């Protein structure tokens, strides 16, 4: 039963990674009104292709990414509840967007295993 669950999760993770990759490859959606320059979001993270190849490297990449995303989103050890909610939302969105942009099934699988437990 464990193998079936693992295969199912792997297939789901690969499907999600492919969908995210396809979505980002199509480019940004355009709206009738443009957002002010201040609202445009960008997160820069440097990595090498070697970090995308195996699960151990992907886990290390994710640890580094989580630390930088936490800092980028203004995370602190002690936060007011309202600030914590906004920070966690920023972290979740930035992590999901970053994982999708890697286009690596290995990184997507490593991230999925972290979020599952």
Protein backbone atom coordinates (compact mmCIF):
# COMPACT_ATOMS: atom_id res chain seq x y z
CA UNK A 1 0.00 0.00 0.00
CA UNK A 2 2.87 2.37 0.77
CA UNK A 3 4.28 1.91 -2.73
CA UNK A 4 0.95 2.80 -4.33
CA UNK A 5 0.71 5.98 -2.26
CA UNK A 6 4.29 6.93 -3.14
CA UNK A 7 3.70 6.32 -6.85
CA UNK A 8 0.46 8.27 -6.70
CA UNK A 9 2.18 11.19 -4.98
CA UNK A 10 5.05 11.08 -7.45
CA UNK A 11 2.63 11.13 -10.39
CA UNK A 12 0.67 13.98 -8.79
CA UNK A 13 3.87 15.91 -8.11
CA UNK A 14 5.13 15.44 -11.65
CA UNK A 15 1.75 16.49 -13.03
CA UNK A 16 1.75 19.62 -10.88
CA UNK A 17 5.31 20.44 -11.88
CA UNK A 18 4.45 20.01 -15.56
CA UNK A 19 1.34 22.19 -15.22
CA UNK A 20 3.25 24.93 -13.41
CA UNK A 21 6.05 24.78 -15.97
CA UNK A 22 3.60 24.99 -18.87
CA UNK A 23 1.81 27.89 -17.21
CA UNK A 24 4.99 29.86 -16.69
CA UNK A 25 6.26 29.05 -20.18
CA UNK A 26 3.16 30.67 -21.65
CA UNK A 27 4.12 33.98 -20.06
CA UNK A 28 2.22 36.33 -17.83
CA UNK A 29 -1.50 36.82 -18.11
CA UNK A 30 -2.50 40.32 -19.07
CA UNK A 31 -5.17 42.28 -17.32
CA UNK A 32 -7.02 45.33 -18.55
CA UNK A 33 -5.52 47.42 -15.79
CA UNK A 34 -1.83 47.32 -15.02
CA UNK A 35 -0.54 47.02 -11.49
CA UNK A 36 1.58 49.83 -10.09
CA UNK A 37 5.30 49.16 -10.28
CA UNK A 38 5.46 48.69 -6.49
CA UNK A 39 3.10 45.71 -6.58
CA UNK A 40 5.13 43.70 -9.09
CA UNK A 41 6.76 40.77 -7.35
CA UNK A 42 10.19 39.36 -7.97
CA UNK A 43 12.32 36.97 -5.94
CA UNK A 44 15.86 36.23 -7.07
CA UNK A 45 17.51 33.00 -6.01
CA UNK A 46 20.78 31.66 -7.35
CA UNK A 47 21.33 27.95 -7.89
CA UNK A 48 23.12 25.54 -10.20
CA UNK A 49 21.69 22.80 -12.40
CA UNK A 50 23.59 20.25 -10.31
CA UNK A 51 21.30 21.11 -7.37
CA UNK A 52 18.28 19.92 -9.36
CA UNK A 53 19.52 16.45 -10.25
CA UNK A 54 19.17 14.25 -7.20
CA UNK A 55 17.01 14.16 -4.10
CA UNK A 56 19.82 14.91 -1.63
CA UNK A 57 20.90 18.02 -3.58
CA UNK A 58 17.27 19.08 -3.96
CA UNK A 59 16.73 18.83 -0.19
CA UNK A 60 19.75 21.06 0.43
CA UNK A 61 18.50 23.50 -2.21
CA UNK A 62 15.09 23.64 -0.51
CA UNK A 63 16.65 24.30 2.89
CA UNK A 64 18.57 27.23 1.45
CA UNK A 65 15.52 28.43 -0.49
CA UNK A 66 13.26 28.28 2.59
CA UNK A 67 15.75 30.34 4.59
CA UNK A 68 16.02 33.00 1.87
CA UNK A 69 12.25 33.10 1.29
CA UNK A 70 11.62 33.47 5.03
CA UNK A 71 14.02 36.41 5.11
CA UNK A 72 12.62 37.91 1.89
CA UNK A 73 9.07 37.80 3.25
CA UNK A 74 10.07 39.52 6.49
CA UNK A 75 9.80 36.48 8.71
CA UNK A 76 10.86 36.82 12.32
CA UNK A 77 10.81 34.41 15.25
CA UNK A 78 8.17 36.39 17.14
CA UNK A 79 5.49 38.07 15.04
CA UNK A 80 2.08 39.52 15.73
CA UNK A 81 -0.71 37.19 14.50
CA UNK A 82 -1.76 39.56 11.69
CA UNK A 83 1.80 39.92 10.45
CA UNK A 84 2.45 36.20 10.79
CA UNK A 85 -0.54 35.42 8.55
CA UNK A 86 0.66 37.79 5.81
CA UNK A 87 4.24 36.50 6.11
CA UNK A 88 3.16 32.86 5.88
CA UNK A 89 1.05 33.65 2.81
CA UNK A 90 4.08 35.34 1.21
CA UNK A 91 6.27 32.35 2.06
CA UNK A 92 3.78 29.83 0.65
CA UNK A 93 3.28 31.76 -2.59
CA UNK A 94 6.99 32.43 -3.08
CA UNK A 95 7.93 28.81 -2.42
CA UNK A 96 5.28 27.44 -4.79
CA UNK A 97 6.21 29.89 -7.54
CA UNK A 98 9.92 29.20 -7.12
CA UNK A 99 9.47 25.42 -7.13
CA UNK A 100 7.42 25.65 -10.32
CA UNK A 101 10.02 27.85 -12.03
CA UNK A 102 12.79 25.33 -11.36
CA UNK A 103 10.98 22.93 -13.70
CA UNK A 104 12.57 19.98 -11.88
CA UNK A 105 10.47 16.95 -10.94
CA UNK A 106 13.10 16.06 -8.31
CA UNK A 107 12.75 19.43 -6.56
CA UNK A 108 8.96 19.26 -6.86
CA UNK A 109 9.00 15.80 -5.26
CA UNK A 110 11.30 16.96 -2.45
CA UNK A 111 9.07 19.97 -1.79
CA UNK A 112 5.93 17.83 -1.85
CA UNK A 113 7.43 15.43 0.68
CA UNK A 114 8.21 18.37 2.99
CA UNK A 115 4.72 19.80 2.76
CA UNK A 116 3.11 16.39 3.31
CA UNK A 117 4.81 15.83 6.58
